[in-house]
Amino acid sequence: MAESRGELAAALRAARTTHGWSQAALAARAGVHLSTVADIEAGRIRRPHNRTLASLAAALALRSADLARVARRDAAARGLRGPGRPPTEC
């Protein structure tokens, strides 16, 4: 099942459970919404924003570059560009 969710989902879940944290605990520590963590782990968000990845990595004591690399590989395997970027103003 983790395979269908993607490498990023599996990596995030593994890092979170290593700390013994719930999704809510990780979300609070990273300053992101619980739904963001849940959606990434479920594979519903496949291209999180760089700032989201950086916040999650910092909370998990991971290098943000490593988590971003996983996100890029995962996106490429799914035929997507990734990670996502926030929209720019016109």
C-alpha atoms as a PDB file:
ATOM      1  CA  MET A   1       0.000   0.000   0.000  1.00  0.00           C
ATOM      2  CA  ALA A   2       2.832   2.446   0.805  1.00  0.00           C
ATOM      3  CA  GLU A   3       4.040   2.023  -2.735  1.00  0.00           C
ATOM      4  CA  SER A   4       0.818   3.424  -4.185  1.00  0.00           C
ATOM      5  CA  ARG A   5       1.073   6.365  -1.789  1.00  0.00           C
ATOM      6  CA  GLY A   6       4.607   7.126  -2.902  1.00  0.00           C
ATOM      7  CA  GLU A   7       8.102   7.388  -1.532  1.00  0.00           C
ATOM      8  CA  LEU A   8       7.520  10.755   0.140  1.00  0.00           C
ATOM      9  CA  ALA A   9       4.487   9.431   2.023  1.00  0.00           C
ATOM     10  CA  ALA A  10       6.446   6.423   3.268  1.00  0.00           C
ATOM     11  CA  ALA A  11       9.482   8.515   4.247  1.00  0.00           C
ATOM     12  CA  LEU A  12       7.403  11.046   6.162  1.00  0.00           C
ATOM     13  CA  ARG A  13       5.444   8.344   8.006  1.00  0.00           C
ATOM     14  CA  ALA A  14       8.639   6.452   8.880  1.00  0.00           C
ATOM     15  CA  ALA A  15      10.349   9.571  10.240  1.00  0.00           C
ATOM     16  CA  ARG A  16       7.255  10.569  12.218  1.00  0.00           C
ATOM     17  CA  THR A  17       6.756   7.141  13.770  1.00  0.00           C
ATOM     18  CA  THR A  18      10.464   6.930  14.633  1.00  0.00           C
ATOM     19  CA  HIS A  19       9.851   9.923  16.893  1.00  0.00           C
ATOM     20  CA  GLY A  20       6.719   8.259  18.253  1.00  0.00           C
ATOM     21  CA  TRP A  21       4.569  11.194  17.160  1.00  0.00           C
ATOM     22  CA  SER A  22       1.027  11.277  15.893  1.00  0.00           C
ATOM     23  CA  GLN A  23       0.228  13.202  12.745  1.00  0.00           C
ATOM     24  CA  ALA A  24      -1.223  15.943  14.959  1.00  0.00           C
ATOM     25  CA  ALA A  25       1.978  16.164  17.001  1.00  0.00           C
ATOM     26  CA  LEU A  26       4.106  16.495  13.859  1.00  0.00           C
ATOM     27  CA  ALA A  27       1.762  19.107  12.414  1.00  0.00           C
ATOM     28  CA  ALA A  28       1.952  21.164  15.606  1.00  0.00           C
ATOM     29  CA  ARG A  29       5.751  20.952  15.760  1.00  0.00           C
ATOM     30  CA  ALA A  30       6.105  21.849  12.072  1.00  0.00           C
ATOM     31  CA  GLY A  31       3.510  24.623  12.113  1.00  0.00           C
ATOM     32  CA  VAL A  32       1.413  23.058   9.365  1.00  0.00           C
ATOM     33  CA  HIS A  33      -2.182  21.856   9.303  1.00  0.00           C
ATOM     34  CA  LEU A  34      -2.937  18.318  10.424  1.00  0.00           C
ATOM     35  CA  SER A  35      -4.673  17.775   7.091  1.00  0.00           C
ATOM     36  CA  THR A  36      -1.396  18.601   5.304  1.00  0.00           C
ATOM     37  CA  VAL A  37       0.490  15.848   7.131  1.00  0.00           C
ATOM     38  CA  ALA A  38      -2.392  13.389   6.688  1.00  0.00           C
ATOM     39  CA  ASP A  39      -2.751  14.210   2.986  1.00  0.00           C
ATOM     40  CA  ILE A  40       0.986  13.814   2.286  1.00  0.00           C
ATOM     41  CA  GLU A  41       1.078  10.476   4.102  1.00  0.00           C
ATOM     42  CA  ALA A  42      -2.035   9.298   2.253  1.00  0.00           C
ATOM     43  CA  GLY A  43      -0.558  10.314  -1.104  1.00  0.00           C
ATOM     44  CA  ARG A  44      -3.216  12.970  -1.737  1.00  0.00           C
ATOM     45  CA  ILE A  45      -0.568  15.727  -1.730  1.00  0.00           C
ATOM     46  CA  ARG A  46       2.201  14.628  -4.031  1.00  0.00           C
ATOM     47  CA  ARG A  47       3.971  17.942  -4.565  1.00  0.00           C
ATOM     48  CA  PRO A  48       4.082  19.837  -1.258  1.00  0.00           C
ATOM     49  CA  HIS A  49       5.496  23.346  -1.268  1.00  0.00           C
ATOM     50  CA  ASN A  50       9.184  23.750  -0.475  1.00  0.00           C
ATOM     51  CA  ARG A  51       8.365  25.680   2.692  1.00  0.00           C
ATOM     52  CA  THR A  52       6.127  22.824   3.868  1.00  0.00           C
ATOM     53  CA  LEU A  53       8.904  20.308   3.262  1.00  0.00           C
ATOM     54  CA  ALA A  54      11.377  22.549   5.088  1.00  0.00           C
ATOM     55  CA  SER A  55       9.049  22.893   8.091  1.00  0.00           C
ATOM     56  CA  LEU A  56       8.441  19.152   8.264  1.00  0.00           C
ATOM     57  CA  ALA A  57      12.145  18.389   7.904  1.00  0.00           C
ATOM     58  CA  ALA A  58      13.064  20.836  10.676  1.00  0.00           C
ATOM     59  CA  ALA A  59      10.483  19.338  13.025  1.00  0.00           C
ATOM     60  CA  LEU A  60      11.782  15.840  12.290  1.00  0.00           C
ATOM     61  CA  ALA A  61      15.458  16.864  12.540  1.00  0.00           C
ATOM     62  CA  LEU A  62      16.011  15.904   8.900  1.00  0.00           C
ATOM     63  CA  ARG A  63      17.872  17.842   6.252  1.00  0.00           C
ATOM     64  CA  SER A  64      15.304  19.685   4.163  1.00  0.00           C
ATOM     65  CA  ALA A  65      17.388  18.981   1.040  1.00  0.00           C
ATOM     66  CA  ASP A  66      17.047  15.240   1.683  1.00  0.00           C
ATOM     67  CA  LEU A  67      13.270  15.421   2.064  1.00  0.00           C
ATOM     68  CA  ALA A  68      13.028  17.625  -1.044  1.00  0.00           C
ATOM     69  CA  ARG A  69      15.110  15.073  -2.975  1.00  0.00           C
ATOM     70  CA  VAL A  70      12.676  12.312  -1.982  1.00  0.00           C
ATOM     71  CA  ALA A  71       9.770  14.529  -3.076  1.00  0.00           C
ATOM     72  CA  ARG A  72      11.411  15.194  -6.462  1.00  0.00           C
ATOM     73  CA  ARG A  73      12.084  11.483  -7.054  1.00  0.00           C
ATOM     74  CA  ASP A  74       8.538  10.633  -6.059  1.00  0.00           C
ATOM     75  CA  ALA A  75       7.089  13.317  -8.344  1.00  0.00           C
ATOM     76  CA  ALA A  76       9.286  12.232 -11.249  1.00  0.00           C
ATOM     77  CA  ALA A  77       8.172   8.617 -10.801  1.00  0.00           C
ATOM     78  CA  ARG A  78       4.580   9.835 -11.074  1.00  0.00           C
ATOM     79  CA  GLY A  79       5.288  12.051 -14.079  1.00  0.00           C
ATOM     80  CA  LEU A  80       4.917  15.281 -12.089  1.00  0.00           C
ATOM     81  CA  ARG A  81       7.185  18.230 -11.515  1.00  0.00           C
ATOM     82  CA  GLY A  82       7.970  18.610  -7.882  1.00  0.00           C
ATOM     83  CA  PRO A  83       8.062  19.796  -5.194  1.00  0.00           C
ATOM     84  CA  GLY A  84       5.380  22.388  -5.730  1.00  0.00           C
ATOM     85  CA  ARG A  85       5.994  26.087  -5.584  1.00  0.00           C
ATOM     86  CA  PRO A  86       3.651  28.685  -4.179  1.00  0.00           C
ATOM     87  CA  PRO A  87       1.899  30.689  -6.885  1.00  0.00           C
ATOM     88  CA  THR A  88       3.589  33.901  -7.886  1.00  0.00           C
ATOM     89  CA  GLU A  89       1.727  37.167  -7.986  1.00  0.00           C
ATOM     90  CA  CYS A  90       1.140  38.765 -11.362  1.00  0.00           C
END
